[in-house]
N, C-alpha and C. Protein backbone atom coordinates (compact mmCIF):
# COMPACT_ATOMS: atom_id res chain seq x y z
N UNK A 1 158.34 -26.39 -20.96
CA UNK A 1 157.35 -26.88 -20.95
C UNK A 1 156.66 -26.28 -22.43
N UNK A 2 156.27 -27.40 -23.36
CA UNK A 2 155.95 -26.92 -24.59
C UNK A 2 154.68 -26.43 -24.38
N UNK A 3 154.45 -25.25 -25.60
CA UNK A 3 153.31 -24.44 -25.85
C UNK A 3 152.41 -24.88 -26.82
N UNK A 4 151.12 -24.96 -26.73
CA UNK A 4 150.14 -25.63 -27.30
C UNK A 4 150.05 -24.72 -28.81
N UNK A 5 149.30 -25.17 -29.34
CA UNK A 5 149.49 -24.73 -30.74
C UNK A 5 148.47 -23.17 -31.19
N UNK A 6 147.24 -23.51 -30.03
CA UNK A 6 146.89 -22.35 -29.81
C UNK A 6 147.80 -20.93 -29.25
N UNK A 7 148.59 -21.59 -28.26
CA UNK A 7 149.69 -20.28 -27.61
C UNK A 7 150.32 -20.15 -29.03
N UNK A 8 151.02 -21.29 -29.71
CA UNK A 8 152.15 -20.59 -30.49
C UNK A 8 151.53 -19.70 -31.43
N UNK A 9 150.78 -20.11 -31.94
CA UNK A 9 149.63 -19.14 -32.75
C UNK A 9 149.12 -17.69 -32.34
N UNK A 10 148.83 -17.87 -31.02
CA UNK A 10 148.60 -16.32 -30.36
C UNK A 10 149.77 -15.40 -30.46
N UNK A 11 151.16 -16.20 -30.10
CA UNK A 11 152.90 -15.67 -30.29
C UNK A 11 152.66 -15.12 -31.32
N UNK A 12 152.95 -15.82 -32.57
CA UNK A 12 152.82 -15.43 -33.68
C UNK A 12 152.32 -14.34 -33.85
N UNK A 13 151.13 -14.17 -34.05
CA UNK A 13 150.20 -13.01 -33.88
C UNK A 13 150.70 -11.96 -33.29
N UNK A 14 150.77 -12.43 -31.95
CA UNK A 14 151.48 -10.83 -30.94
C UNK A 14 153.09 -9.85 -31.50
N UNK A 15 153.81 -11.08 -31.96
CA UNK A 15 154.87 -10.87 -32.64
C UNK A 15 154.95 -10.08 -33.98
N UNK A 16 153.61 -10.18 -34.79
CA UNK A 16 153.59 -9.51 -36.25
C UNK A 16 152.82 -8.54 -35.75
N UNK A 17 151.83 -8.24 -34.95
CA UNK A 17 151.09 -7.24 -34.55
C UNK A 17 152.50 -5.64 -34.09
N UNK A 18 153.63 -6.29 -33.02
CA UNK A 18 154.63 -5.41 -32.92
C UNK A 18 155.38 -5.30 -34.00
N UNK A 19 155.37 -5.89 -34.97
CA UNK A 19 156.24 -5.72 -36.60
C UNK A 19 155.57 -4.75 -37.41
N UNK A 20 154.29 -5.28 -37.48
CA UNK A 20 153.58 -4.32 -38.13
C UNK A 20 153.27 -3.04 -38.02
N UNK A 21 153.27 -2.60 -36.40
CA UNK A 21 152.95 -1.42 -35.92
C UNK A 21 154.40 -0.59 -35.95
N UNK A 22 155.45 -1.70 -35.73
CA UNK A 22 156.78 -0.91 -36.10
C UNK A 22 157.57 -0.89 -37.52
N UNK A 23 157.35 -1.41 -38.51
CA UNK A 23 157.75 -0.95 -39.78
C UNK A 23 156.78 -0.99 -40.68
N UNK A 24 155.49 -1.28 -40.45
CA UNK A 24 154.12 -1.71 -41.39
C UNK A 24 154.14 -3.04 -41.98
N UNK A 25 153.11 -3.02 -42.27
CA UNK A 25 152.28 -4.56 -42.89
C UNK A 25 153.67 -4.65 -44.23
N UNK A 26 153.32 -3.90 -45.14
CA UNK A 26 154.46 -4.05 -46.61
C UNK A 26 155.44 -4.45 -46.08
N UNK A 27 156.02 -4.23 -45.06
CA UNK A 27 157.49 -3.68 -45.29
C UNK A 27 157.90 -4.91 -44.27
N UNK A 28 157.20 -5.92 -43.55
CA UNK A 28 157.64 -6.61 -42.57
C UNK A 28 157.42 -8.11 -43.66
N UNK A 29 158.33 -9.06 -43.47
CA UNK A 29 158.19 -10.37 -44.05
C UNK A 29 157.99 -11.34 -43.22
N UNK A 30 157.62 -12.63 -44.08
CA UNK A 30 157.19 -13.70 -42.66
C UNK A 30 158.41 -14.19 -41.87
N UNK A 31 159.89 -13.90 -42.98
CA UNK A 31 160.89 -14.15 -42.23
C UNK A 31 161.33 -13.73 -41.32
N UNK A 32 161.27 -12.27 -41.24
CA UNK A 32 160.87 -11.62 -39.96
C UNK A 32 160.49 -11.65 -38.81
N UNK A 33 159.09 -12.22 -39.34
CA UNK A 33 158.36 -12.46 -37.89
C UNK A 33 159.17 -13.66 -37.32
N UNK A 34 159.42 -14.89 -38.19
CA UNK A 34 160.20 -16.10 -37.88
C UNK A 34 161.17 -15.90 -37.10
N UNK A 35 162.01 -14.76 -37.36
CA UNK A 35 163.34 -14.48 -36.83
C UNK A 35 163.08 -13.99 -35.07
N UNK A 36 162.17 -13.26 -35.56
CA UNK A 36 161.98 -12.59 -33.93
C UNK A 36 161.55 -13.51 -33.16
N UNK A 37 160.48 -14.52 -33.62
CA UNK A 37 159.98 -15.64 -32.63
C UNK A 37 161.22 -16.59 -32.81
N UNK A 38 162.39 -16.48 -33.13
CA UNK A 38 163.07 -17.44 -33.23
C UNK A 38 162.85 -18.93 -33.33
N UNK A 39 162.01 -19.14 -34.60
CA UNK A 39 161.61 -20.16 -35.45
C UNK A 39 162.21 -20.28 -36.59
N UNK A 40 162.13 -21.83 -37.43
CA UNK A 40 162.20 -21.21 -39.27
C UNK A 40 161.03 -20.62 -39.66
N UNK A 41 161.28 -20.28 -40.79
CA UNK A 41 160.44 -20.20 -41.56
C UNK A 41 159.02 -21.00 -42.23
N UNK A 42 159.72 -22.05 -42.13
CA UNK A 42 159.04 -23.50 -42.02
C UNK A 42 157.65 -23.64 -40.87
N UNK A 43 158.71 -23.40 -39.59
CA UNK A 43 157.51 -23.62 -38.64
C UNK A 43 156.18 -22.30 -38.56
N UNK A 44 156.71 -21.20 -38.98
CA UNK A 44 155.65 -20.27 -38.97
C UNK A 44 154.71 -21.02 -39.78
N UNK A 45 155.09 -21.23 -41.20
CA UNK A 45 154.38 -21.88 -42.44
C UNK A 45 152.96 -22.64 -41.96
N UNK A 46 153.82 -23.84 -40.44
CA UNK A 46 152.89 -24.48 -40.40
C UNK A 46 151.38 -23.89 -39.65
N UNK A 47 151.58 -22.63 -39.30
CA UNK A 47 150.87 -21.85 -38.80
C UNK A 47 149.87 -20.97 -39.49
N UNK A 48 150.82 -20.25 -40.23
CA UNK A 48 149.95 -19.25 -41.39
C UNK A 48 150.66 -19.22 -42.71
N UNK A 49 150.31 -19.89 -43.50
CA UNK A 49 151.34 -19.85 -44.88
C UNK A 49 151.39 -18.34 -45.74
N UNK A 50 150.42 -17.53 -45.31
CA UNK A 50 150.85 -16.13 -46.05
C UNK A 50 150.24 -15.26 -44.72
N UNK A 51 151.23 -13.99 -45.15
CA UNK A 51 150.84 -12.99 -44.28
C UNK A 51 149.50 -12.47 -44.47
N UNK A 52 148.71 -12.54 -45.49
CA UNK A 52 147.47 -11.56 -45.19
C UNK A 52 146.54 -12.49 -44.10
N UNK A 53 146.75 -14.04 -43.69
CA UNK A 53 146.26 -14.94 -43.34
C UNK A 53 146.41 -14.19 -41.29
N UNK A 54 147.48 -13.87 -41.16
CA UNK A 54 147.93 -13.20 -40.07
C UNK A 54 147.33 -11.91 -39.79
N UNK A 55 147.26 -10.89 -41.08
CA UNK A 55 146.29 -9.62 -40.95
C UNK A 55 145.02 -10.40 -40.57
N UNK A 56 144.70 -10.77 -41.27
CA UNK A 56 142.68 -11.45 -41.02
C UNK A 56 142.68 -11.39 -39.61
N UNK A 57 143.60 -12.56 -38.93
CA UNK A 57 143.52 -13.03 -37.94
C UNK A 57 143.73 -12.06 -36.86
N UNK A 58 144.45 -10.98 -36.82
CA UNK A 58 144.72 -9.53 -36.11
C UNK A 58 143.53 -8.79 -35.95
N UNK A 59 142.93 -8.80 -37.12
CA UNK A 59 141.50 -7.99 -37.56
C UNK A 59 140.74 -8.39 -36.90
N UNK A 60 140.56 -9.72 -36.93
CA UNK A 60 139.04 -10.11 -36.27
C UNK A 60 139.34 -10.36 -34.32
N UNK A 61 140.15 -9.94 -33.91
CA UNK A 61 140.45 -9.64 -32.73
C UNK A 61 139.66 -8.32 -32.12
N UNK A 62 139.84 -7.43 -32.91
CA UNK A 62 138.56 -6.10 -33.01
C UNK A 62 137.30 -6.88 -33.15
N UNK A 63 137.09 -7.32 -34.00
CA UNK A 63 135.58 -8.35 -34.16
C UNK A 63 135.49 -8.43 -32.63
N UNK A 64 136.31 -9.39 -31.88
CA UNK A 64 136.10 -10.42 -30.61
C UNK A 64 135.65 -9.24 -29.94
N UNK A 65 136.11 -7.99 -29.50
CA UNK A 65 135.78 -7.03 -28.55
C UNK A 65 134.41 -6.82 -29.34
N UNK A 66 133.84 -6.41 -30.37
CA UNK A 66 132.35 -5.84 -30.49
C UNK A 66 131.48 -7.22 -30.30
N UNK A 67 131.72 -8.17 -30.52
CA UNK A 67 130.73 -9.44 -30.43
C UNK A 67 130.91 -10.14 -28.78
N UNK A 68 131.88 -9.64 -28.20
CA UNK A 68 131.71 -9.61 -26.53
C UNK A 68 130.46 -8.68 -26.06
N UNK A 69 130.60 -7.27 -26.54
CA UNK A 69 129.66 -6.30 -25.99
C UNK A 69 128.02 -6.45 -26.66
N UNK A 70 128.12 -7.26 -27.81
CA UNK A 70 126.89 -7.81 -28.37
C UNK A 70 126.40 -8.78 -27.60
N UNK A 71 126.97 -9.43 -27.30
CA UNK A 71 126.61 -10.89 -26.37
C UNK A 71 126.39 -10.46 -25.30
N UNK A 72 126.71 -9.28 -24.30
CA UNK A 72 126.13 -9.08 -22.99
C UNK A 72 124.67 -9.21 -23.49
N UNK A 73 124.44 -8.38 -24.60
CA UNK A 73 122.76 -7.83 -24.84
C UNK A 73 122.04 -8.87 -24.96
N UNK A 74 122.32 -10.05 -25.19
CA UNK A 74 121.41 -11.26 -25.75
C UNK A 74 120.71 -11.59 -24.27
N UNK A 75 119.24 -11.46 -24.50
CA UNK A 75 118.16 -11.62 -23.76
C UNK A 75 118.23 -10.40 -22.94
N UNK A 76 118.80 -9.63 -22.89
CA UNK A 76 118.11 -8.53 -22.34
C UNK A 76 117.14 -7.86 -23.02
N UNK A 77 115.78 -6.94 -22.63
CA UNK A 77 114.67 -6.34 -23.08
C UNK A 77 115.11 -5.09 -23.42
N UNK A 78 114.60 -4.19 -24.17
CA UNK A 78 114.66 -3.07 -24.50
C UNK A 78 115.35 -2.02 -23.51
N UNK A 79 113.97 -1.88 -22.44
CA UNK A 79 114.47 -0.97 -21.07
C UNK A 79 115.94 -1.29 -20.52
N UNK A 80 116.12 -3.02 -20.57
CA UNK A 80 117.26 -3.36 -20.02
C UNK A 80 118.50 -3.05 -20.72
N UNK A 81 118.08 -3.26 -21.88
CA UNK A 81 119.16 -2.54 -22.89
C UNK A 81 120.15 -1.64 -22.70
N UNK A 82 119.00 -0.69 -22.37
CA UNK A 82 119.14 0.36 -22.59
C UNK A 82 119.71 1.22 -21.19
N UNK A 83 119.53 0.06 -20.10
CA UNK A 83 120.16 0.43 -18.45
C UNK A 83 121.55 -0.02 -18.86
N UNK A 84 121.78 -1.25 -19.52
CA UNK A 84 122.78 -1.69 -19.54
C UNK A 84 124.14 -1.04 -20.15
N UNK A 85 123.16 -0.30 -21.49
CA UNK A 85 124.38 0.43 -22.50
C UNK A 85 125.94 0.89 -21.74
N UNK A 86 125.53 2.47 -21.12
CA UNK A 86 126.59 2.72 -20.34
C UNK A 86 127.64 1.82 -19.91
N UNK A 87 127.21 0.89 -19.44
CA UNK A 87 128.11 -0.09 -18.52
C UNK A 87 129.05 -0.92 -19.50
N UNK A 88 128.33 -1.33 -20.68
CA UNK A 88 128.83 -2.27 -21.82
C UNK A 88 129.59 -1.35 -22.34
N UNK A 89 129.44 0.08 -22.91
CA UNK A 89 130.58 0.89 -23.76
C UNK A 89 131.56 1.20 -22.51
N UNK A 90 131.58 1.12 -21.39
CA UNK A 90 132.71 1.58 -20.89
C UNK A 90 133.21 0.54 -20.42
N UNK A 91 133.24 -0.92 -20.78
CA UNK A 91 134.02 -1.88 -20.63
C UNK A 91 134.26 -1.84 -22.22
N UNK A 92 133.74 -1.75 -23.19
CA UNK A 92 134.39 -1.77 -24.34
C UNK A 92 135.48 -0.93 -24.63
N UNK A 93 135.21 0.62 -23.95
CA UNK A 93 136.51 1.65 -23.98
C UNK A 93 137.74 0.65 -23.15
N UNK A 94 137.77 0.31 -21.90
CA UNK A 94 138.46 -0.63 -21.31
C UNK A 94 139.14 -1.64 -22.33
N UNK A 95 138.64 -2.16 -23.07
CA UNK A 95 139.20 -3.14 -24.02
C UNK A 95 140.00 -2.40 -25.32
N UNK A 96 139.56 -1.33 -25.52
CA UNK A 96 140.24 -0.40 -26.76
C UNK A 96 141.32 0.08 -25.99
N UNK A 97 141.52 0.58 -24.87
CA UNK A 97 142.72 0.96 -23.91
C UNK A 97 143.90 -0.16 -23.88
N UNK A 98 143.14 -1.72 -23.80
CA UNK A 98 143.70 -2.92 -23.58
C UNK A 98 144.34 -3.04 -24.71
N UNK A 99 143.70 -3.06 -26.00
CA UNK A 99 143.89 -3.42 -27.34
C UNK A 99 144.53 -2.27 -28.44
N UNK A 100 145.47 -1.18 -27.42
CA UNK A 100 145.41 -0.34 -28.22
C UNK A 100 146.20 -0.19 -29.74
N UNK A 101 146.98 -1.36 -29.86
CA UNK A 101 148.00 -2.01 -30.79
C UNK A 101 147.12 -2.36 -32.12
N UNK A 102 146.34 -2.66 -31.55
CA UNK A 102 145.15 -3.63 -32.63
C UNK A 102 144.92 -2.37 -33.71
N UNK A 103 144.33 -0.87 -32.82
CA UNK A 103 143.85 -0.09 -33.50
C UNK A 103 144.99 0.77 -34.13
N UNK A 104 145.99 0.90 -33.39
CA UNK A 104 147.44 1.51 -33.84
C UNK A 104 147.41 0.68 -35.64
N UNK A 105 147.54 -0.65 -35.36
CA UNK A 105 147.62 -1.51 -36.65
C UNK A 105 146.74 -1.00 -37.84
N UNK A 106 145.58 -0.30 -37.20
CA UNK A 106 144.57 -0.26 -38.30
C UNK A 106 144.71 1.08 -39.06
N UNK A 107 145.30 1.97 -38.24
CA UNK A 107 145.06 3.23 -38.41
C UNK A 107 146.59 3.28 -39.32
N UNK A 108 147.81 2.40 -39.09
CA UNK A 108 148.67 2.86 -39.83
C UNK A 108 149.03 1.75 -41.07
N UNK A 109 147.98 0.72 -41.43
CA UNK A 109 148.18 0.29 -42.26
C UNK A 109 146.82 -0.10 -42.96
N UNK A 110 146.07 1.14 -43.22
CA UNK A 110 144.93 0.94 -43.68
C UNK A 110 144.59 0.34 -45.03
N UNK A 111 145.54 0.81 -46.17
CA UNK A 111 145.52 0.22 -47.13
C UNK A 111 145.55 -1.17 -47.16
N UNK A 112 146.89 -1.75 -45.85
CA UNK A 112 146.69 -3.61 -46.44
C UNK A 112 145.32 -4.24 -45.66
N UNK A 113 144.48 -3.64 -45.27
CA UNK A 113 143.43 -4.16 -44.73
C UNK A 113 142.05 -3.93 -45.91
N UNK A 114 142.91 -3.33 -46.91
CA UNK A 114 141.84 -3.22 -48.18
C UNK A 114 141.80 -4.51 -48.96
N UNK A 115 142.90 -5.43 -48.80
CA UNK A 115 143.34 -6.79 -49.19
C UNK A 115 142.05 -7.57 -48.54
N UNK A 116 141.37 -7.67 -47.28
CA UNK A 116 141.10 -8.32 -46.91
C UNK A 116 139.26 -8.29 -46.85
N UNK A 117 139.17 -7.27 -47.88
CA UNK A 117 137.44 -7.04 -48.41
C UNK A 117 136.74 -8.37 -48.77
N UNK A 118 138.17 -8.95 -49.94
CA UNK A 118 137.40 -9.98 -50.78
C UNK A 118 137.44 -11.47 -50.14
N UNK A 119 138.14 -11.31 -48.94
CA UNK A 119 137.97 -12.70 -48.05
C UNK A 119 136.52 -13.05 -47.56
N UNK A 120 136.28 -14.44 -47.58
CA UNK A 120 135.00 -14.91 -47.37
C UNK A 120 134.68 -14.80 -45.74
N UNK A 121 135.76 -15.02 -45.16
CA UNK A 121 135.44 -15.33 -43.96
C UNK A 121 135.48 -13.86 -43.05
N UNK A 122 136.01 -12.93 -43.83
CA UNK A 122 136.33 -11.49 -43.00
C UNK A 122 134.66 -11.06 -43.41
N UNK A 123 133.93 -11.15 -44.58
CA UNK A 123 132.60 -10.94 -45.36
C UNK A 123 131.80 -11.07 -44.32
N UNK A 124 131.93 -12.68 -44.22
CA UNK A 124 131.06 -13.58 -42.68
C UNK A 124 131.10 -12.57 -41.50
N UNK A 125 132.33 -12.68 -41.13
CA UNK A 125 132.47 -11.72 -39.96
C UNK A 125 131.22 -10.51 -40.14
N UNK A 126 131.83 -9.75 -40.75
CA UNK A 126 131.42 -8.52 -40.86
C UNK A 126 129.99 -8.34 -41.17
N UNK A 127 129.47 -9.13 -41.78
CA UNK A 127 128.28 -9.18 -41.93
C UNK A 127 127.25 -10.07 -41.05
N UNK A 128 127.96 -10.56 -40.13
CA UNK A 128 127.23 -11.36 -38.78
C UNK A 128 127.23 -9.99 -37.70
N UNK A 129 128.38 -9.19 -37.40
CA UNK A 129 128.49 -7.89 -37.11
C UNK A 129 127.44 -7.13 -37.17
N UNK A 130 127.09 -6.63 -38.27
CA UNK A 130 126.37 -5.50 -38.75
C UNK A 130 124.58 -5.96 -38.81
N UNK A 131 124.74 -7.18 -38.98
CA UNK A 131 123.13 -7.90 -38.55
C UNK A 131 122.73 -7.88 -37.38
N UNK A 132 123.59 -8.01 -36.22
CA UNK A 132 123.29 -8.10 -34.74
C UNK A 132 123.09 -6.44 -34.41
N UNK A 133 124.01 -5.82 -35.19
CA UNK A 133 123.51 -4.04 -34.50
C UNK A 133 122.08 -3.69 -35.41
N UNK A 134 121.79 -4.25 -36.70
CA UNK A 134 120.98 -4.02 -36.95
C UNK A 134 119.59 -4.19 -36.46
N UNK A 135 119.79 -5.47 -35.99
CA UNK A 135 118.63 -5.90 -35.01
C UNK A 135 118.79 -5.14 -33.85
N UNK A 136 119.89 -4.84 -33.04
CA UNK A 136 119.66 -3.55 -32.13
C UNK A 136 118.92 -2.64 -32.32
N UNK A 137 119.58 -1.96 -33.32
CA UNK A 137 118.59 -0.96 -33.70
C UNK A 137 117.59 -0.61 -34.39
N UNK A 138 117.18 -1.72 -34.50
CA UNK A 138 115.61 -1.73 -35.02
C UNK A 138 114.39 -2.24 -34.14
N UNK A 139 115.12 -2.47 -32.99
CA UNK A 139 114.37 -3.30 -32.33
C UNK A 139 113.38 -2.03 -31.34
N UNK A 140 112.24 -2.37 -32.19
CA UNK A 140 111.21 -1.61 -31.81
C UNK A 140 110.50 -1.33 -30.41
N UNK A 141 111.19 -2.36 -29.19
CA UNK A 141 110.52 -2.09 -28.04
C UNK A 141 111.75 -1.50 -26.93
N UNK A 142 112.79 -0.62 -27.67
CA UNK A 142 113.76 0.48 -27.08
C UNK A 142 113.03 1.71 -28.39
N UNK A 143 112.81 2.80 -27.81
CA UNK A 143 111.65 3.58 -28.31
C UNK A 143 113.14 4.53 -29.39
N UNK A 144 112.57 5.00 -30.44
CA UNK A 144 113.80 5.44 -31.39
C UNK A 144 114.70 6.54 -30.97
N UNK A 145 114.39 7.73 -30.07
CA UNK A 145 115.65 8.08 -29.50
C UNK A 145 116.40 7.47 -28.55
N UNK A 146 116.14 6.47 -28.07
CA UNK A 146 117.35 5.64 -27.45
C UNK A 146 118.01 5.20 -28.06
N UNK A 147 117.47 4.59 -29.73
CA UNK A 147 118.15 3.88 -30.22
C UNK A 147 119.08 4.68 -30.83
N UNK A 148 118.90 6.05 -31.05
CA UNK A 148 119.81 7.02 -31.91
C UNK A 148 120.76 7.28 -30.78
N UNK A 149 120.26 7.06 -29.61
CA UNK A 149 121.40 7.27 -28.80
C UNK A 149 122.95 6.42 -28.63
N UNK A 150 122.06 4.89 -28.70
CA UNK A 150 122.93 4.09 -28.60
C UNK A 150 123.84 3.77 -29.87
N UNK A 151 123.28 4.28 -31.13
CA UNK A 151 124.06 4.16 -32.48
C UNK A 151 125.16 5.67 -32.23
N UNK A 152 124.68 6.67 -31.63
CA UNK A 152 125.39 7.78 -31.66
C UNK A 152 126.67 7.27 -30.72
N UNK A 153 126.34 6.86 -29.63
CA UNK A 153 127.60 6.67 -28.69
C UNK A 153 128.64 5.74 -28.80
N UNK A 154 128.34 4.40 -29.56
CA UNK A 154 128.99 3.58 -30.43
C UNK A 154 130.12 4.47 -31.39
N UNK A 155 129.15 5.23 -32.34
CA UNK A 155 130.10 5.75 -33.61
C UNK A 155 131.36 6.73 -32.49
N UNK A 156 130.37 7.48 -31.63
CA UNK A 156 131.60 8.61 -31.29
C UNK A 156 132.96 7.72 -30.42
N UNK A 157 132.31 6.36 -29.59
CA UNK A 157 133.67 5.74 -28.88
C UNK A 157 134.28 5.51 -29.85
N UNK A 158 133.91 4.70 -30.75
CA UNK A 158 135.01 3.87 -31.99
C UNK A 158 135.55 5.14 -32.83
N UNK A 159 135.27 6.25 -33.10
CA UNK A 159 135.94 7.36 -34.08
C UNK A 159 136.86 8.19 -33.02
N UNK A 160 136.49 8.46 -31.89
CA UNK A 160 137.37 8.78 -31.01
C UNK A 160 138.57 7.94 -29.94
N UNK A 161 138.08 6.75 -29.76
CA UNK A 161 139.12 5.98 -29.45
C UNK A 161 140.30 5.43 -30.78
N UNK A 162 139.36 5.59 -31.75
CA UNK A 162 140.52 4.89 -32.90
C UNK A 162 141.91 6.07 -33.25
N UNK A 163 141.01 7.03 -32.70
CA UNK A 163 142.19 8.45 -33.19
C UNK A 163 142.89 8.36 -32.12
N UNK A 164 142.55 8.09 -30.91
CA UNK A 164 142.97 8.24 -29.47
C UNK A 164 144.79 8.19 -30.11
N UNK A 165 145.36 7.79 -30.73
CA UNK A 165 146.57 7.62 -31.39
C UNK A 165 147.53 8.35 -31.91
N UNK A 166 146.86 9.81 -31.85
CA UNK A 166 147.35 11.25 -32.91
C UNK A 166 146.46 12.00 -33.45
N UNK A 167 145.25 11.24 -33.49
CA UNK A 167 144.14 12.33 -33.79
C UNK A 167 143.96 13.84 -32.97
N UNK A 168 144.64 13.87 -32.03
CA UNK A 168 144.26 15.09 -30.91
C UNK A 168 145.93 15.42 -30.36
N UNK A 169 146.86 15.04 -31.28
CA UNK A 169 148.15 15.36 -30.32
C UNK A 169 148.55 14.37 -29.96
N UNK A 170 149.71 14.78 -29.00
CA UNK A 170 150.24 13.92 -28.26
C UNK A 170 149.55 13.83 -27.25
N UNK A 171 148.40 13.60 -26.78
CA UNK A 171 147.66 13.35 -25.74
C UNK A 171 147.54 12.04 -24.97
N UNK A 172 147.44 11.75 -23.84
CA UNK A 172 147.55 10.53 -23.16
C UNK A 172 146.11 9.65 -23.77
N UNK A 173 145.91 8.92 -24.08
CA UNK A 173 144.78 8.08 -24.55
C UNK A 173 143.67 7.63 -23.18
N UNK A 174 144.34 7.58 -21.59
CA UNK A 174 143.51 7.38 -20.85
C UNK A 174 142.66 8.79 -20.62
N UNK A 175 143.34 10.11 -21.23
CA UNK A 175 142.35 11.35 -20.81
C UNK A 175 141.39 11.48 -21.66
N UNK A 176 141.93 10.85 -22.63
CA UNK A 176 140.68 10.77 -24.64
C UNK A 176 139.98 9.78 -23.94
N UNK A 177 139.83 8.56 -23.28
CA UNK A 177 138.95 8.15 -22.91
C UNK A 177 137.86 8.32 -21.93
N UNK A 178 138.99 9.13 -21.13
CA UNK A 178 137.88 9.72 -20.06
C UNK A 178 136.79 10.47 -20.62
N UNK A 179 136.99 11.75 -21.71
CA UNK A 179 136.08 12.51 -22.27
C UNK A 179 135.37 11.75 -23.25
N UNK A 180 135.53 10.80 -23.85
CA UNK A 180 134.84 9.67 -24.18
C UNK A 180 133.48 9.34 -23.14
N UNK A 181 134.26 8.88 -22.63
CA UNK A 181 133.14 8.26 -21.22
C UNK A 181 132.07 9.39 -20.62
N UNK A 182 132.68 10.98 -20.83
CA UNK A 182 131.59 11.64 -20.58
C UNK A 182 130.86 12.04 -21.58
N UNK A 183 131.25 11.47 -23.21
CA UNK A 183 130.31 11.74 -24.19
C UNK A 183 128.96 10.72 -23.82
N UNK A 184 129.27 9.85 -23.19
CA UNK A 184 128.30 8.67 -23.14
C UNK A 184 127.80 8.81 -22.18
N UNK A 185 128.35 9.26 -20.95
CA UNK A 185 127.26 9.85 -20.12
C UNK A 185 126.53 10.46 -20.45
N UNK A 186 126.60 12.32 -20.88
CA UNK A 186 125.81 12.99 -21.89
C UNK A 186 124.81 12.25 -22.53
N UNK A 187 124.96 11.16 -22.99
CA UNK A 187 123.86 10.60 -23.99
C UNK A 187 123.13 10.15 -22.94
N UNK A 188 123.39 9.46 -21.97
CA UNK A 188 122.33 8.80 -21.32
C UNK A 188 122.96 9.09 -19.59
N UNK A 189 122.22 10.33 -18.93
CA UNK A 189 122.02 10.43 -18.06
C UNK A 189 121.05 10.04 -17.05
N UNK A 190 121.99 9.39 -15.95
CA UNK A 190 121.01 9.06 -15.06
C UNK A 190 120.16 9.76 -14.33
N UNK A 191 118.72 9.58 -14.46
CA UNK A 191 117.78 9.95 -14.03
C UNK A 191 116.99 9.50 -12.81
């Protein structure tokens, strides 16, 4: 059965992610991606003309994780946001574990992501996420102490989970996630 254009794009991204993590973004060519996929370079160009377009799409997969989290908060009032937050952050941790290769890509190829800074689509996506978090954290229906907890918990989770691939030595990511959940639990104790 023939794959759809969307399925083919996703397969290209998956293979590129593997190669970028194995040998680095700079050392991976479009030809190598095409070879691993078993397609011609021309077929790859049909979906992505440049390697940096692939990098951007992989980066936007991370944005999608944050968008999903924020969208779960849409329509909730202040107290409901605070009540839902620990569960939402727990789901985020699960998604981060399931997408560890994306975080590894960022860790191993930090300089490559600097190239994305000038991309208009990237800038618009970043601005949208930042604006939505600013709106959340400036929501006066949530007490300031709780807003600080929201910010602290998300900062802690991102920094800990992004570093789970080596910052803590040869420790299992699931164990790191368990402690990250504990930090969130400490910030939002059940009363």
